[in-house]
Amino acid sequence: MNYLVGDIGNSFIKISILKENFIIKKSYSFDTQKIYNKKDLKKFFKKFLKKSCYSKVLFSSVVPSAFKIIKNYLKKKKICSF
């Protein structure tokens, strides 16, 4: 099972896929301002959501509005985020 973890900062959003033993398998970066554009958001998540199934996702955020957008997007995909 893979885990999906992310950090939402003022400049960038960094998302990593972790293996079972918590070693980073792959990392992705995304400009935080682009998260507000639905087309860019969908394009970004398409990179890694199709590769593996995640039942739960963990995010840390200093930008509550960006976290809310990501949380709602993942909720539509039936993925629980914390």
C-alpha atoms as a PDB file:
ATOM      1  CA  MET A   1       0.000   0.000   0.000  1.00  0.00           C
ATOM      2  CA  ASN A   2       1.206   3.486  -0.834  1.00  0.00           C
ATOM      3  CA  TYR A   3       0.535   6.608   1.204  1.00  0.00           C
ATOM      4  CA  LEU A   4      -0.039  10.108  -0.141  1.00  0.00           C
ATOM      5  CA  VAL A   5       1.239  13.022   1.963  1.00  0.00           C
ATOM      6  CA  GLY A   6       1.344  16.706   1.123  1.00  0.00           C
ATOM      7  CA  ASP A   7       2.512  20.064   2.391  1.00  0.00           C
ATOM      8  CA  ILE A   8       0.655  23.192   1.292  1.00  0.00           C
ATOM      9  CA  GLY A   9       2.804  26.294   1.596  1.00  0.00           C
ATOM     10  CA  ASN A  10       2.413  29.891   0.474  1.00  0.00           C
ATOM     11  CA  SER A  11       4.551  29.365  -2.646  1.00  0.00           C
ATOM     12  CA  PHE A  12       4.408  25.655  -3.456  1.00  0.00           C
ATOM     13  CA  ILE A  13       2.458  22.511  -2.763  1.00  0.00           C
ATOM     14  CA  LYS A  14       4.657  19.451  -2.370  1.00  0.00           C
ATOM     15  CA  ILE A  15       3.038  16.013  -2.584  1.00  0.00           C
ATOM     16  CA  SER A  16       4.883  12.742  -2.078  1.00  0.00           C
ATOM     17  CA  ILE A  17       3.968   9.111  -2.534  1.00  0.00           C
ATOM     18  CA  LEU A  18       5.402   6.955   0.243  1.00  0.00           C
ATOM     19  CA  LYS A  19       5.966   3.211   0.218  1.00  0.00           C
ATOM     20  CA  GLU A  20       4.789   0.948   3.064  1.00  0.00           C
ATOM     21  CA  ASN A  21       8.053   1.520   4.936  1.00  0.00           C
ATOM     22  CA  PHE A  22       7.617   5.325   4.559  1.00  0.00           C
ATOM     23  CA  ILE A  23      10.375   5.795   1.987  1.00  0.00           C
ATOM     24  CA  ILE A  24       9.601   8.452  -0.636  1.00  0.00           C
ATOM     25  CA  LYS A  25       8.716   6.776  -3.913  1.00  0.00           C
ATOM     26  CA  LYS A  26       7.922   9.923  -5.950  1.00  0.00           C
ATOM     27  CA  SER A  27       7.470  13.649  -5.270  1.00  0.00           C
ATOM     28  CA  TYR A  28       5.555  16.344  -7.139  1.00  0.00           C
ATOM     29  CA  SER A  29       5.579  20.142  -6.805  1.00  0.00           C
ATOM     30  CA  PHE A  30       2.855  22.568  -7.799  1.00  0.00           C
ATOM     31  CA  ASP A  31       2.488  26.351  -7.582  1.00  0.00           C
ATOM     32  CA  THR A  32      -0.054  27.193  -4.862  1.00  0.00           C
ATOM     33  CA  GLN A  33      -1.680  29.949  -6.936  1.00  0.00           C
ATOM     34  CA  LYS A  34      -2.574  27.448  -9.675  1.00  0.00           C
ATOM     35  CA  ILE A  35      -4.671  25.433  -7.219  1.00  0.00           C
ATOM     36  CA  TYR A  36      -7.483  27.973  -7.624  1.00  0.00           C
ATOM     37  CA  ASN A  37      -7.829  27.109 -11.334  1.00  0.00           C
ATOM     38  CA  LYS A  38      -9.949  23.944 -11.691  1.00  0.00           C
ATOM     39  CA  LYS A  39      -8.264  22.922 -14.935  1.00  0.00           C
ATOM     40  CA  ASP A  40      -4.765  23.102 -13.402  1.00  0.00           C
ATOM     41  CA  LEU A  41      -5.944  21.316 -10.256  1.00  0.00           C
ATOM     42  CA  LYS A  42      -7.365  18.412 -12.245  1.00  0.00           C
ATOM     43  CA  LYS A  43      -4.241  18.204 -14.415  1.00  0.00           C
ATOM     44  CA  PHE A  44      -1.973  18.106 -11.338  1.00  0.00           C
ATOM     45  CA  PHE A  45      -3.881  15.392  -9.473  1.00  0.00           C
ATOM     46  CA  LYS A  46      -4.237  13.317 -12.634  1.00  0.00           C
ATOM     47  CA  LYS A  47      -0.480  12.616 -12.461  1.00  0.00           C
ATOM     48  CA  PHE A  48      -0.639  10.432  -9.389  1.00  0.00           C
ATOM     49  CA  LEU A  49      -4.254   9.614  -8.551  1.00  0.00           C
ATOM     50  CA  LYS A  50      -4.519   7.216 -11.492  1.00  0.00           C
ATOM     51  CA  LYS A  51      -1.360   5.304 -10.548  1.00  0.00           C
ATOM     52  CA  SER A  52      -2.375   4.015  -7.131  1.00  0.00           C
ATOM     53  CA  CYS A  53      -5.420   3.830  -4.936  1.00  0.00           C
ATOM     54  CA  TYR A  54      -5.267   5.733  -1.685  1.00  0.00           C
ATOM     55  CA  SER A  55      -7.917   5.302   0.955  1.00  0.00           C
ATOM     56  CA  LYS A  56      -6.501   8.097   3.122  1.00  0.00           C
ATOM     57  CA  VAL A  57      -4.341  11.138   2.456  1.00  0.00           C
ATOM     58  CA  LEU A  58      -2.460  13.368   4.923  1.00  0.00           C
ATOM     59  CA  PHE A  59      -1.853  17.102   4.344  1.00  0.00           C
ATOM     60  CA  SER A  60      -0.280  19.880   6.379  1.00  0.00           C
ATOM     61  CA  SER A  61      -1.229  23.402   5.384  1.00  0.00           C
ATOM     62  CA  VAL A  62      -0.576  27.056   6.165  1.00  0.00           C
ATOM     63  CA  VAL A  63      -3.064  28.091   3.459  1.00  0.00           C
ATOM     64  CA  PRO A  64      -6.560  27.051   4.634  1.00  0.00           C
ATOM     65  CA  SER A  65      -8.293  28.105   1.409  1.00  0.00           C
ATOM     66  CA  ALA A  66      -6.001  25.894  -0.710  1.00  0.00           C
ATOM     67  CA  PHE A  67      -6.488  22.961   1.675  1.00  0.00           C
ATOM     68  CA  LYS A  68     -10.249  23.334   1.399  1.00  0.00           C
ATOM     69  CA  ILE A  69     -10.072  23.164  -2.412  1.00  0.00           C
ATOM     70  CA  ILE A  70      -7.855  20.070  -2.311  1.00  0.00           C
ATOM     71  CA  LYS A  71     -10.021  18.411   0.326  1.00  0.00           C
ATOM     72  CA  ASN A  72     -13.181  18.985  -1.739  1.00  0.00           C
ATOM     73  CA  TYR A  73     -11.493  17.670  -4.889  1.00  0.00           C
ATOM     74  CA  LEU A  74     -10.355  14.501  -3.119  1.00  0.00           C
ATOM     75  CA  LYS A  75     -13.783  14.086  -1.547  1.00  0.00           C
ATOM     76  CA  LYS A  76     -15.315  13.981  -5.037  1.00  0.00           C
ATOM     77  CA  LYS A  77     -12.841  11.199  -5.868  1.00  0.00           C
ATOM     78  CA  LYS A  78     -13.937   9.360  -2.674  1.00  0.00           C
ATOM     79  CA  ILE A  79     -10.560   9.771  -0.984  1.00  0.00           C
ATOM     80  CA  CYS A  80     -10.544  10.805   2.670  1.00  0.00           C
ATOM     81  CA  SER A  81      -8.018  13.532   3.509  1.00  0.00           C
ATOM     82  CA  PHE A  82      -6.710  14.580   6.918  1.00  0.00           C
END
